[in-house]
Protein backbone atom coordinates (compact mmCIF):
# COMPACT_ATOMS: atom_id res chain seq x y z
CA MET A 1 120.21 99.87 116.28
CA ASN A 2 120.82 99.12 119.96
CA PHE A 3 118.42 97.84 122.61
CA ARG A 4 117.72 101.31 124.02
CA GLY A 5 116.91 102.68 120.58
CA LEU A 6 114.40 99.90 119.92
CA LEU A 7 112.70 100.44 123.25
CA ALA A 8 112.51 104.17 122.55
CA ALA A 9 110.75 103.43 119.26
CA THR A 10 108.27 101.19 121.06
CA ALA A 11 107.68 103.85 123.71
CA LEU A 12 106.59 106.26 121.00
CA LEU A 13 103.95 103.76 119.94
CA ILE A 14 102.60 102.96 123.41
CA GLY A 15 102.73 106.46 124.87
CA ALA A 16 100.03 107.95 127.04
CA ALA A 17 96.58 108.23 125.48
CA ALA A 18 96.56 111.94 126.26
CA ALA A 19 99.55 112.61 124.04
CA PRO A 20 98.78 115.05 121.19
CA ALA A 21 98.15 113.57 117.75
CA GLN A 22 100.95 113.66 115.21
CA ALA A 23 100.50 115.63 112.00
CA VAL A 24 100.46 112.45 109.93
CA THR A 25 98.92 112.61 106.46
CA ILE A 26 97.44 109.43 105.04
CA TRP A 27 97.34 108.98 101.24
CA TYR A 28 95.10 106.65 99.25
CA ASP A 29 96.08 108.15 95.88
CA GLU A 30 99.50 106.80 94.89
CA ALA A 31 100.09 109.42 92.20
CA ALA A 32 99.45 112.22 94.69
CA PHE A 33 101.72 110.55 97.23
CA ASP A 34 104.51 110.26 94.65
CA ALA A 35 104.11 113.92 93.72
CA ALA A 36 104.35 115.01 97.37
CA THR A 37 107.47 112.97 98.21
CA SER A 38 110.99 112.55 96.88
CA GLY A 39 114.03 110.38 97.44
CA LEU A 40 112.03 107.21 98.02
CA THR A 41 113.50 103.73 97.46
CA ASN A 42 111.34 100.79 96.36
CA TYR A 43 111.58 97.50 98.26
CA GLY A 44 110.13 94.08 97.55
CA PHE A 45 110.40 90.65 99.16
CA PRO A 46 112.74 87.88 97.94
CA GLY A 47 111.01 84.94 96.29
CA GLY A 48 111.99 81.39 95.56
CA THR A 49 109.77 79.27 97.81
CA GLU A 50 105.99 79.01 97.92
CA SER A 51 105.76 79.49 101.70
CA THR A 52 108.35 80.47 104.32
CA ASN A 53 107.69 81.11 108.00
CA VAL A 54 109.55 84.26 109.12
CA ALA A 55 107.79 84.97 112.45
CA PRO A 56 108.12 86.85 114.66
CA PHE A 57 109.95 89.48 112.59
CA TYR A 58 111.43 90.06 109.18
CA GLN A 59 113.68 92.87 107.96
CA VAL A 60 113.57 94.39 104.47
CA GLY A 61 115.90 97.36 104.05
CA PRO A 62 115.08 99.97 106.69
CA VAL A 63 111.79 98.39 107.84
CA PHE A 64 111.09 95.55 110.26
CA PHE A 65 107.80 93.66 109.95
CA ALA A 66 106.61 92.02 113.16
CA ALA A 67 103.71 89.68 113.98
CA ASP A 68 103.10 86.53 116.00
CA SER A 69 102.24 84.78 112.72
CA LEU A 70 104.27 86.00 109.74
CA SER A 71 105.11 84.30 106.42
CA LEU A 72 106.54 84.99 102.99
CA PHE A 73 104.56 83.59 100.04
CA ASP A 74 105.47 83.22 96.38
CA ASP A 75 102.33 81.43 95.18
CA GLY A 76 101.12 83.72 92.39
CA ALA A 77 98.21 85.16 94.39
CA PHE A 78 99.10 88.70 93.28
CA GLY A 79 100.66 87.83 89.95
CA PRO A 80 103.50 85.61 88.67
CA GLY A 81 106.72 86.06 90.63
CA GLN A 82 105.13 88.48 93.13
CA THR A 83 106.31 87.59 96.64
CA TYR A 84 104.44 89.06 99.59
CA ILE A 85 104.56 89.06 103.37
CA ALA A 86 101.39 87.96 105.14
CA SER A 87 99.81 87.70 108.57
CA PRO A 88 96.32 86.73 109.80
CA LEU A 89 96.94 88.92 112.86
CA ASP A 90 97.94 92.51 113.60
CA LEU A 91 100.99 93.30 111.46
CA ALA A 92 103.46 95.98 112.55
CA ALA A 93 105.91 97.83 110.33
CA ILE A 94 108.67 99.40 112.42
CA ILE A 95 110.46 102.22 110.62
CA PHE A 96 113.68 103.98 111.54
CA GLY A 97 114.70 107.35 110.15
CA GLY A 98 112.00 108.01 107.54
CA SER A 99 109.08 110.43 107.33
CA SER A 100 107.44 108.96 104.19
CA ILE A 101 106.37 105.41 103.36
CA GLY A 102 103.84 103.80 101.05
CA PHE A 103 102.58 100.20 100.81
CA HIS A 104 100.70 98.01 98.33
CA ILE A 105 98.31 95.90 100.40
CA GLY A 106 95.93 93.09 99.52
CA SER A 107 93.86 90.32 101.06
CA TYR A 108 94.10 86.61 100.31
CA CYS A 109 91.39 83.97 100.29
CA GLU A 110 90.56 80.95 98.18
CA PRO A 111 89.21 82.37 94.89
CA ASP A 112 86.05 80.24 94.72
CA GLY A 113 83.78 83.11 93.72
CA GLU A 114 81.59 82.73 96.79
CA ILE A 115 83.57 84.38 99.58
CA SER A 116 84.95 87.91 99.19
CA CYS A 117 88.39 88.81 100.54
CA ALA A 118 87.53 92.52 100.71
CA GLN A 119 87.90 93.88 104.23
CA ASP A 120 88.57 97.02 106.25
CA VAL A 121 92.05 97.26 107.79
CA ALA A 122 92.44 99.57 110.80
CA ILE A 123 95.51 101.82 110.57
CA THR A 124 97.43 103.07 113.61
CA VAL A 125 100.49 105.32 113.20
CA ASN A 126 102.73 106.67 115.96
CA ASP A 127 100.10 105.80 118.62
CA ASP A 128 97.21 107.40 116.70
CA PHE A 129 94.29 105.65 115.02
CA LEU A 130 94.09 107.22 111.55
CA GLY A 131 91.24 105.37 109.89
CA LEU A 132 90.53 102.39 107.67
CA LEU A 133 91.89 101.03 104.42
CA SER A 134 89.34 99.09 102.35
CA THR A 135 91.12 96.32 100.47
CA GLY A 136 89.88 94.74 97.26
CA ASP A 137 88.92 91.15 96.58
CA HIS A 138 91.38 88.29 96.05
CA GLY A 139 94.37 89.32 93.93
CA ALA A 140 93.61 93.07 94.06
CA LEU A 141 96.03 95.56 95.60
CA SER A 142 95.31 98.86 97.33
CA PHE A 143 97.77 101.66 98.02
CA ILE A 144 98.21 103.49 101.29
CA GLY A 145 100.94 106.00 102.09
CA PHE A 146 101.99 108.10 105.07
CA THR A 147 103.94 111.33 105.45
CA ASP A 148 104.83 113.30 108.54
CA LEU A 149 106.86 116.32 109.52
CA GLU A 150 108.71 114.11 111.99
CA PRO A 151 110.13 110.58 111.52
CA LEU A 152 107.55 107.82 111.56
CA SER A 153 108.27 105.24 114.24
CA GLY A 154 105.80 102.53 113.37
CA ILE A 155 102.56 101.54 111.65
CA LEU A 156 100.11 98.91 112.85
CA PHE A 157 97.78 97.17 110.37
CA SER A 158 94.81 95.44 112.05
CA PRO A 159 92.74 93.31 109.64
CA GLU A 160 88.99 93.04 110.07
CA PHE A 161 89.20 89.31 109.39
CA GLY A 162 91.40 86.87 107.54
CA GLU A 163 94.81 87.74 106.16
CA ILE A 164 96.63 90.98 105.39
CA ASP A 165 99.28 90.92 102.65
CA ILE A 166 101.98 93.44 101.66
CA THR A 167 103.67 92.99 98.28
CA ASP A 168 106.08 95.95 98.35
CA PHE A 169 106.74 99.37 99.81
CA LYS A 170 108.70 102.58 99.18
CA THR A 171 110.22 104.87 101.76
CA ASP A 172 112.81 107.54 102.44
CA ALA A 173 113.92 105.71 105.60
CA ILE A 174 117.60 104.91 106.05
CA GLY A 175 119.11 101.43 106.26
CA LEU A 176 119.69 99.51 109.47
CA GLY A 177 122.53 97.47 110.86
CA ALA A 178 122.35 94.34 113.00
CA VAL A 179 119.11 92.47 113.64
CA PRO A 180 117.91 92.91 117.27
CA GLU A 181 118.00 90.10 119.81
CA PRO A 182 114.89 87.87 120.09
CA THR A 183 114.18 89.11 123.62
CA THR A 184 114.10 92.68 122.34
CA TRP A 185 111.62 91.70 119.65
CA ALA A 186 109.42 90.01 122.22
CA LEU A 187 109.12 93.35 124.01
CA LEU A 188 108.40 95.17 120.77
CA ILE A 189 105.67 92.76 119.72
CA THR A 190 104.08 92.95 123.18
CA GLY A 191 104.10 96.73 122.87
CA PHE A 192 102.44 96.64 119.47
CA GLY A 193 99.81 94.25 120.79
CA ALA A 194 98.96 96.74 123.53
CA VAL A 195 98.69 99.50 120.95
CA GLY A 196 96.32 97.47 118.77
CA THR A 197 94.04 96.63 121.69
CA ALA A 198 93.87 100.17 123.05
CA LEU A 199 93.70 102.15 119.86
CA ARG A 200 90.96 100.16 118.19
CA ARG A 201 88.73 101.75 120.84
CA ARG A 202 89.75 105.29 119.86
CA ARG A 203 88.87 107.35 116.80
CA ARG A 204 90.95 110.50 116.35
CA GLY A 205 90.74 113.06 113.59
CA HIS A 206 93.11 112.65 110.66
CA VAL A 207 94.20 114.27 107.43
CA ILE A 208 93.40 112.48 104.18
CA ALA A 209 94.96 113.28 100.83
């Protein structure tokens, strides 16, 4: 993916506020999402170390994850051998070539029994605020999926507080080639930050399955 292609993807996310909403469907029922999609590939994160800093971006298959603070953890928070990617800030998933994607998402906190990790995560897709995902307490995972008639360009997860964690995902997106230059990623992350700030003020209608 060249520089112009990456900027075009960002432009889709930070387009004019007057742009019409995409026909994106958001799924909270994983079985229903699986029944409505086909040709999806499952992706996880490589383990081996308890904590690895991968900011500002990390590629897994056809998806780039981007955040100012971004780490891989393999500490057993979501089960033995379950590696996950985590950020205490807005976390962007940049997708190329796919119209369906689903994630398992959780929240991490110290399991002392006094503080709950449950939170609402704001979801923005292709420049449209779609709603909230309510995560469970420490160690619990929630599913959220997205389908569209057109390719999805990117998804922004904005946690209410604390940390957002993704253990795995499945998508029909195609693979990518070379990793972009750091300066290109700086522009992308700036663009996503603008999206998060602007779209948390907007509440558009959405389709829920």
